[in-house]
Amino acid sequence: MTGCNTVLNPGVLMGPGSVTYTNASVRSGYYPAETLIKVRQTQQLTEMRKL
């Protein structure tokens, strides 16, 4: 089962009962049966220089 707005890239093989979070972009590869696929993103802050 895939979440809302999930993108499965070409070559994704998900085993039966696997689930993805919403808004995930799943990379190519094999995901075993009954796996929860989470995508963690980190946010980086950079100070802007004044012009």
PDB file of N, CA and C in Angstrom:
ATOM      1  N   MET A   1       0.860  -1.164   0.000  1.00  0.00           N
ATOM      2  CA  MET A   1       0.000   0.000   0.000  1.00  0.00           C
ATOM      3  C   MET A   1       0.907   1.227   0.000  1.00  0.00           C
ATOM      4  N   THR A   2       0.570   2.183  -0.841  1.00  0.00           N
ATOM      5  CA  THR A   2       1.355   3.415  -0.876  1.00  0.00           C
ATOM      6  C   THR A   2       0.531   4.564  -0.327  1.00  0.00           C
ATOM      7  N   GLY A   3       1.212   5.504   0.304  1.00  0.00           N
ATOM      8  CA  GLY A   3       0.543   6.674   0.860  1.00  0.00           C
ATOM      9  C   GLY A   3       0.187   7.673  -0.232  1.00  0.00           C
ATOM     10  N   CYS A   4      -0.558   8.673   0.147  1.00  0.00           N
ATOM     11  CA  CYS A   4      -0.991   9.728  -0.771  1.00  0.00           C
ATOM     12  C   CYS A   4       0.228  10.470  -1.321  1.00  0.00           C
ATOM     13  N   ASN A   5       0.251  10.730  -2.625  1.00  0.00           N
ATOM     14  CA  ASN A   5       1.330  11.447  -3.315  1.00  0.00           C
ATOM     15  C   ASN A   5       2.676  10.735  -3.250  1.00  0.00           C
ATOM     16  N   THR A   6       2.688   9.428  -3.084  1.00  0.00           N
ATOM     17  CA  THR A   6       3.936   8.671  -3.078  1.00  0.00           C
ATOM     18  C   THR A   6       4.399   8.432  -4.506  1.00  0.00           C
ATOM     19  N   VAL A   7       5.710   8.578  -4.737  1.00  0.00           N
ATOM     20  CA  VAL A   7       6.294   8.336  -6.054  1.00  0.00           C
ATOM     21  C   VAL A   7       7.135   7.070  -5.969  1.00  0.00           C
ATOM     22  N   LEU A   8       6.830   6.096  -6.825  1.00  0.00           N
ATOM     23  CA  LEU A   8       7.635   4.882  -6.914  1.00  0.00           C
ATOM     24  C   LEU A   8       8.506   5.000  -8.159  1.00  0.00           C
ATOM     25  N   ASN A   9       9.819   5.089  -7.964  1.00  0.00           N
ATOM     26  CA  ASN A   9      10.742   5.193  -9.090  1.00  0.00           C
ATOM     27  C   ASN A   9      10.790   3.863  -9.840  1.00  0.00           C
ATOM     28  N   PRO A  10      11.194   3.887 -11.121  1.00  0.00           N
ATOM     29  CA  PRO A  10      11.301   2.637 -11.879  1.00  0.00           C
ATOM     30  C   PRO A  10      12.233   1.655 -11.175  1.00  0.00           C
ATOM     31  N   GLY A  11      11.845   0.403 -11.141  1.00  0.00           N
ATOM     32  CA  GLY A  11      12.668  -0.629 -10.524  1.00  0.00           C
ATOM     33  C   GLY A  11      12.349  -0.889  -9.070  1.00  0.00           C
ATOM     34  N   VAL A  12      11.259  -0.330  -8.546  1.00  0.00           N
ATOM     35  CA  VAL A  12      10.869  -0.579  -7.155  1.00  0.00           C
ATOM     36  C   VAL A  12      10.090  -1.885  -7.085  1.00  0.00           C
ATOM     37  N   LEU A  13      10.536  -2.793  -6.227  1.00  0.00           N
ATOM     38  CA  LEU A  13       9.827  -4.040  -5.971  1.00  0.00           C
ATOM     39  C   LEU A  13       9.461  -4.073  -4.496  1.00  0.00           C
ATOM     40  N   MET A  14       8.163  -3.979  -4.214  1.00  0.00           N
ATOM     41  CA  MET A  14       7.684  -4.000  -2.828  1.00  0.00           C
ATOM     42  C   MET A  14       7.030  -5.347  -2.556  1.00  0.00           C
ATOM     43  N   GLY A  15       7.466  -5.991  -1.472  1.00  0.00           N
ATOM     44  CA  GLY A  15       6.878  -7.258  -1.088  1.00  0.00           C
ATOM     45  C   GLY A  15       5.458  -7.072  -0.576  1.00  0.00           C
ATOM     46  N   PRO A  16       4.688  -8.147  -0.504  1.00  0.00           N
ATOM     47  CA  PRO A  16       3.308  -8.062  -0.029  1.00  0.00           C
ATOM     48  C   PRO A  16       3.230  -7.485   1.381  1.00  0.00           C
ATOM     49  N   GLY A  17       2.265  -6.607   1.592  1.00  0.00           N
ATOM     50  CA  GLY A  17       2.049  -6.022   2.909  1.00  0.00           C
ATOM     51  C   GLY A  17       2.959  -4.852   3.231  1.00  0.00           C
ATOM     52  N   SER A  18       3.801  -4.426   2.295  1.00  0.00           N
ATOM     53  CA  SER A  18       4.672  -3.272   2.533  1.00  0.00           C
ATOM     54  C   SER A  18       3.866  -1.985   2.445  1.00  0.00           C
ATOM     55  N   VAL A  19       4.273  -0.981   3.228  1.00  0.00           N
ATOM     56  CA  VAL A  19       3.549   0.285   3.306  1.00  0.00           C
ATOM     57  C   VAL A  19       4.555   1.428   3.224  1.00  0.00           C
ATOM     58  N   THR A  20       4.172   2.526   2.526  1.00  0.00           N
ATOM     59  CA  THR A  20       5.007   3.725   2.493  1.00  0.00           C
ATOM     60  C   THR A  20       4.278   4.876   3.163  1.00  0.00           C
ATOM     61  N   TYR A  21       5.037   5.799   3.716  1.00  0.00           N
ATOM     62  CA  TYR A  21       4.454   7.027   4.245  1.00  0.00           C
ATOM     63  C   TYR A  21       3.995   7.912   3.093  1.00  0.00           C
ATOM     64  N   THR A  22       3.161   8.879   3.395  1.00  0.00           N
ATOM     65  CA  THR A  22       2.701   9.813   2.373  1.00  0.00           C
ATOM     66  C   THR A  22       3.840  10.726   1.925  1.00  0.00           C
ATOM     67  N   ASN A  23       3.731  11.237   0.712  1.00  0.00           N
ATOM     68  CA  ASN A  23       4.708  12.159   0.114  1.00  0.00           C
ATOM     69  C   ASN A  23       6.119  11.582   0.035  1.00  0.00           C
ATOM     70  N   ALA A  24       6.248  10.268  -0.012  1.00  0.00           N
ATOM     71  CA  ALA A  24       7.565   9.642  -0.097  1.00  0.00           C
ATOM     72  C   ALA A  24       7.964   9.447  -1.551  1.00  0.00           C
ATOM     73  N   SER A  25       9.244   9.556  -1.828  1.00  0.00           N
ATOM     74  CA  SER A  25       9.796   9.209  -3.130  1.00  0.00           C
ATOM     75  C   SER A  25      10.672   7.986  -2.892  1.00  0.00           C
ATOM     76  N   VAL A  26      10.168   6.818  -3.276  1.00  0.00           N
ATOM     77  CA  VAL A  26      10.825   5.554  -2.955  1.00  0.00           C
ATOM     78  C   VAL A  26      11.877   5.244  -4.012  1.00  0.00           C
ATOM     79  N   ARG A  27      13.103   4.992  -3.564  1.00  0.00           N
ATOM     80  CA  ARG A  27      14.214   4.694  -4.464  1.00  0.00           C
ATOM     81  C   ARG A  27      14.083   3.283  -5.025  1.00  0.00           C
ATOM     82  N   SER A  28      14.731   3.069  -6.162  1.00  0.00           N
ATOM     83  CA  SER A  28      14.721   1.755  -6.804  1.00  0.00           C
ATOM     84  C   SER A  28      15.335   0.719  -5.880  1.00  0.00           C
ATOM     85  N   GLY A  29      14.809  -0.482  -5.940  1.00  0.00           N
ATOM     86  CA  GLY A  29      15.341  -1.569  -5.134  1.00  0.00           C
ATOM     87  C   GLY A  29      14.241  -2.478  -4.637  1.00  0.00           C
ATOM     88  N   TYR A  30      14.634  -3.493  -3.886  1.00  0.00           N
ATOM     89  CA  TYR A  30      13.703  -4.472  -3.345  1.00  0.00           C
ATOM     90  C   TYR A  30      13.416  -4.152  -1.886  1.00  0.00           C
ATOM     91  N   TYR A  31      12.146  -4.167  -1.531  1.00  0.00           N
ATOM     92  CA  TYR A  31      11.707  -3.946  -0.156  1.00  0.00           C
ATOM     93  C   TYR A  31      10.965  -5.198   0.291  1.00  0.00           C
ATOM     94  N   PRO A  32      11.462  -5.886   1.338  1.00  0.00           N
ATOM     95  CA  PRO A  32      10.868  -7.150   1.765  1.00  0.00           C
ATOM     96  C   PRO A  32       9.403  -7.009   2.182  1.00  0.00           C
ATOM     97  N   ALA A  33       8.738  -8.139   2.282  1.00  0.00           N
ATOM     98  CA  ALA A  33       7.333  -8.174   2.686  1.00  0.00           C
ATOM     99  C   ALA A  33       7.152  -7.558   4.070  1.00  0.00           C
ATOM    100  N   GLU A  34       6.003  -6.919   4.251  1.00  0.00           N
ATOM    101  CA  GLU A  34       5.606  -6.320   5.530  1.00  0.00           C
ATOM    102  C   GLU A  34       6.652  -5.338   6.059  1.00  0.00           C
ATOM    103  N   THR A  35       7.103  -4.446   5.187  1.00  0.00           N
ATOM    104  CA  THR A  35       8.081  -3.426   5.544  1.00  0.00           C
ATOM    105  C   THR A  35       7.417  -2.060   5.537  1.00  0.00           C
ATOM    106  N   LEU A  36       7.710  -1.227   6.541  1.00  0.00           N
ATOM    107  CA  LEU A  36       7.249   0.159   6.570  1.00  0.00           C
ATOM    108  C   LEU A  36       8.382   1.015   6.022  1.00  0.00           C
ATOM    109  N   ILE A  37       8.122   1.699   4.914  1.00  0.00           N
ATOM    110  CA  ILE A  37       9.152   2.498   4.253  1.00  0.00           C
ATOM    111  C   ILE A  37       8.962   3.953   4.644  1.00  0.00           C
ATOM    112  N   LYS A  38       9.940   4.486   5.394  1.00  0.00           N
ATOM    113  CA  LYS A  38       9.903   5.876   5.846  1.00  0.00           C
ATOM    114  C   LYS A  38      10.964   6.661   5.091  1.00  0.00           C
ATOM    115  N   VAL A  39      10.674   7.909   4.789  1.00  0.00           N
ATOM    116  CA  VAL A  39      11.670   8.780   4.173  1.00  0.00           C
ATOM    117  C   VAL A  39      11.937   9.911   5.153  1.00  0.00           C
ATOM    118  N   ARG A  40      13.162   9.980   5.630  1.00  0.00           N
ATOM    119  CA  ARG A  40      13.547  11.019   6.584  1.00  0.00           C
ATOM    120  C   ARG A  40      14.305  12.105   5.844  1.00  0.00           C
ATOM    121  N   GLN A  41      13.924  13.335   6.064  1.00  0.00           N
ATOM    122  CA  GLN A  41      14.611  14.452   5.440  1.00  0.00           C
ATOM    123  C   GLN A  41      15.131  15.372   6.535  1.00  0.00           C
ATOM    124  N   THR A  42      16.315  15.926   6.311  1.00  0.00           N
ATOM    125  CA  THR A  42      16.862  16.886   7.259  1.00  0.00           C
ATOM    126  C   THR A  42      16.802  18.268   6.637  1.00  0.00           C
ATOM    127  N   GLN A  43      16.649  19.246   7.482  1.00  0.00           N
ATOM    128  CA  GLN A  43      16.553  20.623   7.019  1.00  0.00           C
ATOM    129  C   GLN A  43      17.852  21.332   7.373  1.00  0.00           C
ATOM    130  N   GLN A  44      18.426  22.037   6.405  1.00  0.00           N
ATOM    131  CA  GLN A  44      19.672  22.753   6.619  1.00  0.00           C
ATOM    132  C   GLN A  44      19.411  24.245   6.486  1.00  0.00           C
ATOM    133  N   LEU A  45      19.858  25.010   7.473  1.00  0.00           N
ATOM    134  CA  LEU A  45      19.690  26.456   7.455  1.00  0.00           C
ATOM    135  C   LEU A  45      21.035  27.110   7.183  1.00  0.00           C
ATOM    136  N   THR A  46      21.033  28.078   6.283  1.00  0.00           N
ATOM    137  CA  THR A  46      22.242  28.817   5.936  1.00  0.00           C
ATOM    138  C   THR A  46      21.947  30.298   6.039  1.00  0.00           C
ATOM    139  N   GLU A  47      22.846  31.031   6.704  1.00  0.00           N
ATOM    140  CA  GLU A  47      22.654  32.472   6.852  1.00  0.00           C
ATOM    141  C   GLU A  47      22.854  33.158   5.508  1.00  0.00           C
ATOM    142  N   MET A  48      21.936  34.040   5.165  1.00  0.00           N
ATOM    143  CA  MET A  48      22.034  34.777   3.906  1.00  0.00           C
ATOM    144  C   MET A  48      22.922  35.994   4.098  1.00  0.00           C
ATOM    145  N   ARG A  49      23.762  36.264   3.109  1.00  0.00           N
ATOM    146  CA  ARG A  49      24.607  37.450   3.156  1.00  0.00           C
ATOM    147  C   ARG A  49      23.821  38.638   2.623  1.00  0.00           C
ATOM    148  N   LYS A  50      24.021  39.784   3.247  1.00  0.00           N
ATOM    149  CA  LYS A  50      23.351  40.998   2.776  1.00  0.00           C
ATOM    150  C   LYS A  50      24.080  41.531   1.559  1.00  0.00           C
ATOM    151  N   LEU A  51      23.321  41.967   0.584  1.00  0.00           N
ATOM    152  CA  LEU A  51      23.924  42.500  -0.642  1.00  0.00           C
ATOM    153  C   LEU A  51      24.178  43.977  -0.527  1.00  0.00           C
TER     154      LEU A  51
END
